[in-house]
Amino acid sequence: MSGTLNKVMLIGHLGDEVKMHYFDDKNCVGRFPLATNETYTNKQTNERVSNTEWHNIVVRNKAAEICEKYLSKGDKVYIEGRIKTRKWTDDKGMERYSTEIQCSDFTFLTAKNEQQNPGNTQQSAPQTPSNSAPTNDVSIANDDNDDLPF
């Protein structure tokens, strides 16, 4: 195969609020940390082991404004995008690197009305705010079903 692919799909929880940065030409960037967890049982000690991986998510323009408006710390979200590594020189002259997920698609998996009004059944925030959000995320979001054959 001669082609390459740079695609990331994550489901995780926000580790902090969306931090916005606005530019002169009316563009903006939103950044937030996303935590994904891996849990398994150590076969030697039968102890449950949980590992958390942190990802730096970057969203741009209208998508960033939507994330800032509807997402908050602890919310569960599906993120789709690509990996990008940035390189810069810090004030001490050292080369530094940062790996980010450039978000191209997202779907909110935490219903806001359940957190704010437990008795209310109407949606107060859109579930799929991005223009091209995947339509089959509901099956991905139901990770409580551990009866998968693999």
N, C-alpha and C. Protein backbone atom coordinates (compact mmCIF):
# COMPACT_ATOMS: atom_id res chain seq x y z
N MET A 1 0.84 -1.17 0.00
CA MET A 1 0.00 0.00 0.00
C MET A 1 0.89 1.23 0.00
N SER A 2 0.63 2.16 -0.88
CA SER A 2 1.47 3.34 -0.98
C SER A 2 0.93 4.52 -0.19
N GLY A 3 -0.34 4.49 0.20
CA GLY A 3 -0.94 5.61 0.94
C GLY A 3 -0.65 5.51 2.42
N THR A 4 -0.91 6.59 3.11
CA THR A 4 -0.76 6.61 4.57
C THR A 4 -2.05 7.10 5.20
N LEU A 5 -2.19 6.90 6.49
CA LEU A 5 -3.39 7.30 7.21
C LEU A 5 -3.01 7.84 8.57
N ASN A 6 -3.57 8.98 8.91
CA ASN A 6 -3.37 9.59 10.22
C ASN A 6 -4.76 9.87 10.77
N LYS A 7 -5.32 8.93 11.52
CA LYS A 7 -6.68 9.06 12.03
C LYS A 7 -6.74 8.56 13.47
N VAL A 8 -7.41 9.34 14.31
CA VAL A 8 -7.55 9.01 15.72
C VAL A 8 -9.01 9.06 16.09
N MET A 9 -9.49 8.07 16.85
CA MET A 9 -10.84 8.06 17.39
C MET A 9 -10.72 7.80 18.89
N LEU A 10 -11.26 8.71 19.69
CA LEU A 10 -11.16 8.60 21.14
C LEU A 10 -12.52 8.79 21.78
N ILE A 11 -12.77 8.08 22.85
CA ILE A 11 -13.91 8.33 23.72
C ILE A 11 -13.33 8.49 25.12
N GLY A 12 -13.57 9.66 25.71
CA GLY A 12 -13.00 9.92 27.02
C GLY A 12 -13.73 11.03 27.74
N HIS A 13 -13.16 11.43 28.85
CA HIS A 13 -13.76 12.47 29.69
C HIS A 13 -12.85 13.70 29.72
N LEU A 14 -13.47 14.88 29.67
CA LEU A 14 -12.71 16.12 29.75
C LEU A 14 -12.04 16.24 31.11
N GLY A 15 -10.76 16.61 31.09
CA GLY A 15 -10.02 16.79 32.32
C GLY A 15 -10.07 18.21 32.83
N ASP A 16 -10.58 19.14 32.01
CA ASP A 16 -10.65 20.55 32.38
C ASP A 16 -11.62 21.24 31.43
N GLU A 17 -11.92 22.49 31.71
CA GLU A 17 -12.78 23.27 30.82
C GLU A 17 -12.05 23.56 29.51
N VAL A 18 -12.81 23.88 28.46
CA VAL A 18 -12.24 24.24 27.17
C VAL A 18 -11.62 25.64 27.30
N LYS A 19 -10.35 25.75 26.96
CA LYS A 19 -9.63 27.03 27.00
C LYS A 19 -9.62 27.61 25.59
N MET A 20 -10.15 28.83 25.44
CA MET A 20 -10.27 29.46 24.14
C MET A 20 -9.16 30.49 23.92
N HIS A 21 -8.71 30.57 22.66
CA HIS A 21 -7.74 31.58 22.24
C HIS A 21 -8.30 32.21 20.97
N TYR A 22 -8.48 33.54 20.99
CA TYR A 22 -9.04 34.25 19.84
C TYR A 22 -7.94 35.01 19.12
N PHE A 23 -8.07 35.09 17.79
CA PHE A 23 -7.10 35.77 16.95
C PHE A 23 -7.73 36.99 16.31
N ASP A 24 -6.91 37.89 15.76
CA ASP A 24 -7.39 39.14 15.16
C ASP A 24 -8.34 38.92 13.99
N ASP A 25 -8.12 37.87 13.22
CA ASP A 25 -8.94 37.65 12.01
C ASP A 25 -10.22 36.86 12.31
N LYS A 26 -10.71 36.94 13.54
CA LYS A 26 -11.97 36.33 13.97
C LYS A 26 -11.93 34.79 13.99
N ASN A 27 -10.75 34.22 13.96
CA ASN A 27 -10.61 32.78 14.13
C ASN A 27 -10.32 32.49 15.59
N CYS A 28 -10.59 31.26 16.00
CA CYS A 28 -10.30 30.89 17.39
C CYS A 28 -9.90 29.42 17.46
N VAL A 29 -9.26 29.08 18.57
CA VAL A 29 -8.82 27.72 18.84
C VAL A 29 -9.23 27.39 20.26
N GLY A 30 -9.80 26.20 20.43
CA GLY A 30 -10.13 25.69 21.76
C GLY A 30 -9.25 24.50 22.09
N ARG A 31 -8.79 24.42 23.31
CA ARG A 31 -7.93 23.32 23.75
C ARG A 31 -8.47 22.75 25.05
N PHE A 32 -8.40 21.43 25.16
CA PHE A 32 -8.77 20.79 26.41
C PHE A 32 -8.11 19.42 26.51
N PRO A 33 -7.84 18.96 27.74
CA PRO A 33 -7.30 17.62 27.94
C PRO A 33 -8.42 16.58 27.97
N LEU A 34 -8.15 15.42 27.39
CA LEU A 34 -9.12 14.33 27.38
C LEU A 34 -8.45 13.09 27.98
N ALA A 35 -9.14 12.45 28.92
CA ALA A 35 -8.61 11.26 29.59
C ALA A 35 -9.29 10.02 29.04
N THR A 36 -8.48 9.03 28.64
CA THR A 36 -9.00 7.72 28.29
C THR A 36 -8.42 6.72 29.28
N ASN A 37 -9.21 5.71 29.62
CA ASN A 37 -8.80 4.74 30.64
C ASN A 37 -8.72 3.34 30.06
N GLU A 38 -7.76 2.58 30.56
CA GLU A 38 -7.63 1.17 30.23
C GLU A 38 -7.60 0.42 31.55
N THR A 39 -8.49 -0.56 31.70
CA THR A 39 -8.55 -1.34 32.93
C THR A 39 -8.43 -2.82 32.57
N TYR A 40 -7.58 -3.52 33.31
CA TYR A 40 -7.40 -4.95 33.08
C TYR A 40 -7.03 -5.62 34.41
N THR A 41 -7.09 -6.94 34.42
CA THR A 41 -6.72 -7.70 35.60
C THR A 41 -5.35 -8.31 35.39
N ASN A 42 -4.44 -8.05 36.30
CA ASN A 42 -3.11 -8.64 36.25
C ASN A 42 -3.25 -10.13 36.54
N LYS A 43 -2.85 -10.98 35.61
CA LYS A 43 -3.06 -12.42 35.74
C LYS A 43 -2.21 -13.04 36.84
N GLN A 44 -1.08 -12.42 37.18
CA GLN A 44 -0.22 -12.97 38.22
C GLN A 44 -0.73 -12.64 39.62
N THR A 45 -1.27 -11.41 39.80
CA THR A 45 -1.70 -11.01 41.14
C THR A 45 -3.22 -10.92 41.27
N ASN A 46 -3.96 -11.11 40.17
CA ASN A 46 -5.42 -10.96 40.13
C ASN A 46 -5.86 -9.58 40.60
N GLU A 47 -5.00 -8.60 40.47
CA GLU A 47 -5.31 -7.24 40.89
C GLU A 47 -5.79 -6.44 39.68
N ARG A 48 -6.83 -5.61 39.89
CA ARG A 48 -7.33 -4.74 38.83
C ARG A 48 -6.36 -3.58 38.66
N VAL A 49 -5.91 -3.37 37.42
CA VAL A 49 -4.98 -2.30 37.11
C VAL A 49 -5.67 -1.32 36.17
N SER A 50 -5.58 -0.04 36.47
CA SER A 50 -6.20 0.99 35.65
C SER A 50 -5.13 1.99 35.23
N ASN A 51 -5.05 2.23 33.92
CA ASN A 51 -4.11 3.20 33.37
C ASN A 51 -4.88 4.30 32.68
N THR A 52 -4.50 5.54 32.94
CA THR A 52 -5.13 6.70 32.30
C THR A 52 -4.14 7.34 31.34
N GLU A 53 -4.58 7.59 30.13
CA GLU A 53 -3.78 8.27 29.12
C GLU A 53 -4.41 9.63 28.87
N TRP A 54 -3.59 10.69 28.85
CA TRP A 54 -4.08 12.04 28.62
C TRP A 54 -3.76 12.48 27.21
N HIS A 55 -4.73 13.10 26.55
CA HIS A 55 -4.59 13.57 25.18
C HIS A 55 -4.89 15.07 25.14
N ASN A 56 -4.10 15.82 24.40
CA ASN A 56 -4.33 17.25 24.21
C ASN A 56 -5.18 17.43 22.95
N ILE A 57 -6.41 17.91 23.10
CA ILE A 57 -7.35 18.06 21.99
C ILE A 57 -7.37 19.52 21.56
N VAL A 58 -7.37 19.74 20.23
CA VAL A 58 -7.42 21.08 19.66
C VAL A 58 -8.59 21.12 18.68
N VAL A 59 -9.51 22.07 18.90
CA VAL A 59 -10.64 22.30 17.98
C VAL A 59 -10.58 23.74 17.51
N ARG A 60 -11.11 24.00 16.32
CA ARG A 60 -10.96 25.32 15.71
C ARG A 60 -12.31 25.97 15.39
N ASN A 61 -12.32 27.29 15.44
CA ASN A 61 -13.40 28.15 14.97
C ASN A 61 -14.76 27.79 15.55
N LYS A 62 -15.77 27.55 14.72
CA LYS A 62 -17.14 27.32 15.20
C LYS A 62 -17.21 26.08 16.09
N ALA A 63 -16.48 25.03 15.72
CA ALA A 63 -16.47 23.81 16.54
C ALA A 63 -15.93 24.12 17.94
N ALA A 64 -14.91 24.97 18.02
CA ALA A 64 -14.35 25.35 19.32
C ALA A 64 -15.37 26.11 20.16
N GLU A 65 -16.12 27.00 19.52
CA GLU A 65 -17.13 27.77 20.24
C GLU A 65 -18.25 26.86 20.75
N ILE A 66 -18.63 25.86 19.98
CA ILE A 66 -19.66 24.90 20.40
C ILE A 66 -19.15 24.08 21.59
N CYS A 67 -17.90 23.63 21.51
CA CYS A 67 -17.32 22.86 22.61
C CYS A 67 -17.26 23.70 23.88
N GLU A 68 -16.85 24.96 23.76
CA GLU A 68 -16.78 25.83 24.92
C GLU A 68 -18.15 26.02 25.56
N LYS A 69 -19.18 26.13 24.73
CA LYS A 69 -20.53 26.39 25.23
C LYS A 69 -21.14 25.17 25.92
N TYR A 70 -20.94 23.97 25.37
CA TYR A 70 -21.67 22.79 25.85
C TYR A 70 -20.84 21.80 26.66
N LEU A 71 -19.51 21.84 26.56
CA LEU A 71 -18.70 20.86 27.29
C LEU A 71 -18.17 21.46 28.58
N SER A 72 -18.07 20.62 29.59
CA SER A 72 -17.45 21.03 30.85
C SER A 72 -16.66 19.85 31.41
N LYS A 73 -15.86 20.13 32.40
CA LYS A 73 -14.99 19.12 33.00
C LYS A 73 -15.79 17.89 33.41
N GLY A 74 -15.30 16.72 33.04
CA GLY A 74 -15.94 15.46 33.38
C GLY A 74 -16.88 14.92 32.31
N ASP A 75 -17.28 15.74 31.36
CA ASP A 75 -18.19 15.28 30.30
C ASP A 75 -17.51 14.23 29.42
N LYS A 76 -18.33 13.28 28.97
CA LYS A 76 -17.85 12.24 28.07
C LYS A 76 -18.08 12.68 26.63
N VAL A 77 -17.07 12.49 25.77
CA VAL A 77 -17.16 12.97 24.39
C VAL A 77 -16.40 12.02 23.47
N TYR A 78 -16.93 11.89 22.26
CA TYR A 78 -16.26 11.15 21.18
C TYR A 78 -15.51 12.16 20.33
N ILE A 79 -14.23 11.92 20.09
CA ILE A 79 -13.38 12.82 19.31
C ILE A 79 -12.80 12.04 18.13
N GLU A 80 -12.83 12.66 16.97
CA GLU A 80 -12.20 12.09 15.79
C GLU A 80 -11.28 13.15 15.20
N GLY A 81 -10.10 12.75 14.80
CA GLY A 81 -9.17 13.72 14.24
C GLY A 81 -7.88 13.08 13.80
N ARG A 82 -6.79 13.87 13.85
CA ARG A 82 -5.49 13.38 13.44
C ARG A 82 -4.43 13.83 14.44
N ILE A 83 -3.33 13.10 14.48
CA ILE A 83 -2.23 13.41 15.38
C ILE A 83 -1.32 14.44 14.72
N LYS A 84 -0.93 15.44 15.50
CA LYS A 84 0.03 16.43 15.01
C LYS A 84 1.02 16.73 16.12
N THR A 85 2.30 16.69 15.79
CA THR A 85 3.35 17.01 16.74
C THR A 85 3.94 18.37 16.38
N ARG A 86 3.99 19.24 17.37
CA ARG A 86 4.58 20.57 17.17
C ARG A 86 5.94 20.61 17.85
N LYS A 87 6.85 21.38 17.26
CA LYS A 87 8.20 21.54 17.81
C LYS A 87 8.48 23.02 17.98
N TRP A 88 9.06 23.41 19.13
CA TRP A 88 9.42 24.80 19.35
C TRP A 88 10.62 24.86 20.29
N THR A 89 11.21 26.02 20.37
CA THR A 89 12.34 26.25 21.26
C THR A 89 11.86 27.10 22.43
N ASP A 90 12.10 26.61 23.64
CA ASP A 90 11.64 27.36 24.82
C ASP A 90 12.60 28.51 25.13
N ASP A 91 12.30 29.26 26.19
CA ASP A 91 13.09 30.44 26.52
C ASP A 91 14.50 30.10 27.01
N LYS A 92 14.78 28.83 27.32
CA LYS A 92 16.12 28.40 27.71
C LYS A 92 16.91 27.83 26.54
N GLY A 93 16.31 27.85 25.34
CA GLY A 93 16.99 27.35 24.15
C GLY A 93 16.83 25.85 23.92
N MET A 94 16.01 25.20 24.72
CA MET A 94 15.78 23.75 24.57
C MET A 94 14.67 23.50 23.56
N GLU A 95 14.86 22.48 22.72
CA GLU A 95 13.80 22.09 21.79
C GLU A 95 12.74 21.31 22.54
N ARG A 96 11.50 21.69 22.36
CA ARG A 96 10.36 21.07 23.04
C ARG A 96 9.40 20.51 22.00
N TYR A 97 8.66 19.48 22.37
CA TYR A 97 7.69 18.85 21.49
C TYR A 97 6.35 18.74 22.21
N SER A 98 5.29 18.82 21.43
CA SER A 98 3.95 18.65 21.96
C SER A 98 3.13 17.87 20.94
N THR A 99 2.50 16.79 21.37
CA THR A 99 1.66 15.99 20.49
C THR A 99 0.20 16.30 20.81
N GLU A 100 -0.55 16.65 19.76
CA GLU A 100 -1.95 17.05 19.92
C GLU A 100 -2.84 16.25 18.99
N ILE A 101 -4.11 16.21 19.32
CA ILE A 101 -5.13 15.64 18.44
C ILE A 101 -5.87 16.81 17.82
N GLN A 102 -5.72 17.00 16.51
CA GLN A 102 -6.43 18.04 15.77
C GLN A 102 -7.82 17.49 15.46
N CYS A 103 -8.81 17.97 16.18
CA CYS A 103 -10.18 17.43 16.10
C CYS A 103 -10.87 17.86 14.81
N SER A 104 -11.43 16.90 14.10
CA SER A 104 -12.20 17.19 12.90
C SER A 104 -13.68 16.88 13.10
N ASP A 105 -14.01 16.06 14.08
CA ASP A 105 -15.37 15.64 14.35
C ASP A 105 -15.52 15.34 15.84
N PHE A 106 -16.71 15.56 16.38
CA PHE A 106 -16.94 15.21 17.77
C PHE A 106 -18.42 14.96 17.99
N THR A 107 -18.71 14.20 19.02
CA THR A 107 -20.09 13.94 19.43
C THR A 107 -20.13 13.96 20.95
N PHE A 108 -21.06 14.73 21.51
CA PHE A 108 -21.23 14.77 22.96
C PHE A 108 -21.91 13.49 23.40
N LEU A 109 -21.37 12.84 24.40
CA LEU A 109 -21.94 11.59 24.90
C LEU A 109 -22.58 11.74 26.27
N THR A 110 -22.38 12.89 26.92
CA THR A 110 -23.03 13.19 28.19
C THR A 110 -24.21 14.10 27.89
N ALA A 111 -25.42 13.64 28.23
CA ALA A 111 -26.61 14.46 28.03
C ALA A 111 -26.67 15.52 29.12
N LYS A 112 -26.70 16.78 28.75
CA LYS A 112 -26.71 17.87 29.71
C LYS A 112 -27.98 17.89 30.56
N ASN A 113 -29.11 17.53 29.97
CA ASN A 113 -30.36 17.59 30.73
C ASN A 113 -30.38 16.57 31.85
N GLU A 114 -29.63 15.48 31.74
CA GLU A 114 -29.58 14.49 32.81
C GLU A 114 -28.81 15.03 34.01
N GLN A 115 -27.78 15.85 33.76
CA GLN A 115 -26.99 16.40 34.86
C GLN A 115 -27.73 17.53 35.55
N GLN A 116 -28.39 18.41 34.78
CA GLN A 116 -29.00 19.61 35.34
C GLN A 116 -30.40 19.35 35.87
N ASN A 117 -31.25 18.63 35.11
CA ASN A 117 -32.63 18.35 35.49
C ASN A 117 -32.92 16.86 35.35
N PRO A 118 -32.69 16.06 36.38
CA PRO A 118 -32.87 14.62 36.26
C PRO A 118 -34.28 14.20 35.86
N GLY A 119 -35.32 14.97 36.19
CA GLY A 119 -36.67 14.59 35.85
C GLY A 119 -37.10 15.02 34.46
N ASN A 120 -36.35 15.86 33.81
CA ASN A 120 -36.71 16.39 32.49
C ASN A 120 -36.24 15.43 31.41
N THR A 121 -37.08 15.17 30.40
CA THR A 121 -36.72 14.23 29.34
C THR A 121 -36.39 14.92 28.03
N GLN A 122 -36.50 16.24 27.95
CA GLN A 122 -36.19 16.93 26.71
C GLN A 122 -34.72 17.29 26.67
N GLN A 123 -34.17 17.35 25.43
CA GLN A 123 -32.77 17.70 25.24
C GLN A 123 -32.58 19.21 25.37
N SER A 124 -31.59 19.64 26.13
CA SER A 124 -31.29 21.06 26.24
C SER A 124 -30.07 21.45 25.42
N ALA A 125 -29.24 20.47 25.03
CA ALA A 125 -28.06 20.73 24.21
C ALA A 125 -28.02 19.73 23.07
N PRO A 126 -27.52 20.13 21.90
CA PRO A 126 -27.47 19.20 20.79
C PRO A 126 -26.50 18.07 21.07
N GLN A 127 -26.85 16.86 20.67
CA GLN A 127 -25.99 15.71 20.88
C GLN A 127 -24.89 15.62 19.84
N THR A 128 -25.13 16.04 18.61
CA THR A 128 -24.14 15.98 17.56
C THR A 128 -23.98 17.35 16.93
N PRO A 129 -23.17 18.23 17.53
CA PRO A 129 -23.07 19.59 17.05
C PRO A 129 -22.22 19.76 15.80
N SER A 130 -21.33 18.82 15.49
CA SER A 130 -20.49 19.02 14.33
C SER A 130 -21.24 18.67 13.05
N ASN A 131 -20.81 19.23 11.96
CA ASN A 131 -21.52 19.07 10.69
C ASN A 131 -21.46 17.66 10.15
N SER A 132 -20.38 16.94 10.42
CA SER A 132 -20.25 15.61 9.84
C SER A 132 -20.01 14.56 10.91
N ALA A 133 -20.71 14.67 12.02
CA ALA A 133 -20.54 13.72 13.12
C ALA A 133 -21.01 12.35 12.68
N PRO A 134 -20.29 11.31 13.08
CA PRO A 134 -20.69 9.95 12.72
C PRO A 134 -22.07 9.63 13.29
N THR A 135 -22.86 8.89 12.54
CA THR A 135 -24.21 8.58 12.97
C THR A 135 -24.29 7.31 13.79
N ASN A 136 -23.25 6.52 13.82
CA ASN A 136 -23.29 5.26 14.55
C ASN A 136 -22.59 5.35 15.89
N ASP A 137 -22.45 6.54 16.47
CA ASP A 137 -21.76 6.69 17.74
C ASP A 137 -22.54 6.14 18.91
N VAL A 138 -23.83 5.94 18.76
CA VAL A 138 -24.63 5.42 19.86
C VAL A 138 -24.14 4.03 20.24
N SER A 139 -23.80 3.20 19.25
CA SER A 139 -23.29 1.87 19.57
C SER A 139 -21.92 1.94 20.20
N ILE A 140 -21.12 2.93 19.83
CA ILE A 140 -19.81 3.09 20.43
C ILE A 140 -19.96 3.57 21.87
N ALA A 141 -20.92 4.44 22.12
CA ALA A 141 -21.08 5.03 23.44
C ALA A 141 -21.57 4.03 24.48
N ASN A 142 -22.23 2.96 24.08
CA ASN A 142 -22.76 1.99 25.02
C ASN A 142 -21.67 0.98 25.40
N ASP A 143 -20.63 1.47 26.09
CA ASP A 143 -19.53 0.59 26.46
C ASP A 143 -19.82 -0.15 27.77
N ASP A 144 -21.03 -0.01 28.31
CA ASP A 144 -21.39 -0.74 29.52
C ASP A 144 -21.69 -2.21 29.22
N ASN A 145 -21.90 -2.54 27.95
CA ASN A 145 -22.20 -3.92 27.57
C ASN A 145 -20.89 -4.66 27.37
N ASP A 146 -20.57 -5.53 28.31
CA ASP A 146 -19.32 -6.28 28.23
C ASP A 146 -19.56 -7.67 27.65
N ASP A 147 -20.62 -7.87 26.89
CA ASP A 147 -20.89 -9.19 26.35
C ASP A 147 -20.41 -9.31 24.90
N LEU A 148 -19.33 -8.61 24.57
CA LEU A 148 -18.76 -8.70 23.24
C LEU A 148 -18.04 -10.04 23.08
N PRO A 149 -18.05 -10.61 21.87
CA PRO A 149 -17.46 -11.93 21.69
C PRO A 149 -15.93 -11.92 21.65
N PHE A 150 -15.30 -10.78 21.78
CA PHE A 150 -13.83 -10.74 21.74
C PHE A 150 -13.27 -9.94 22.88
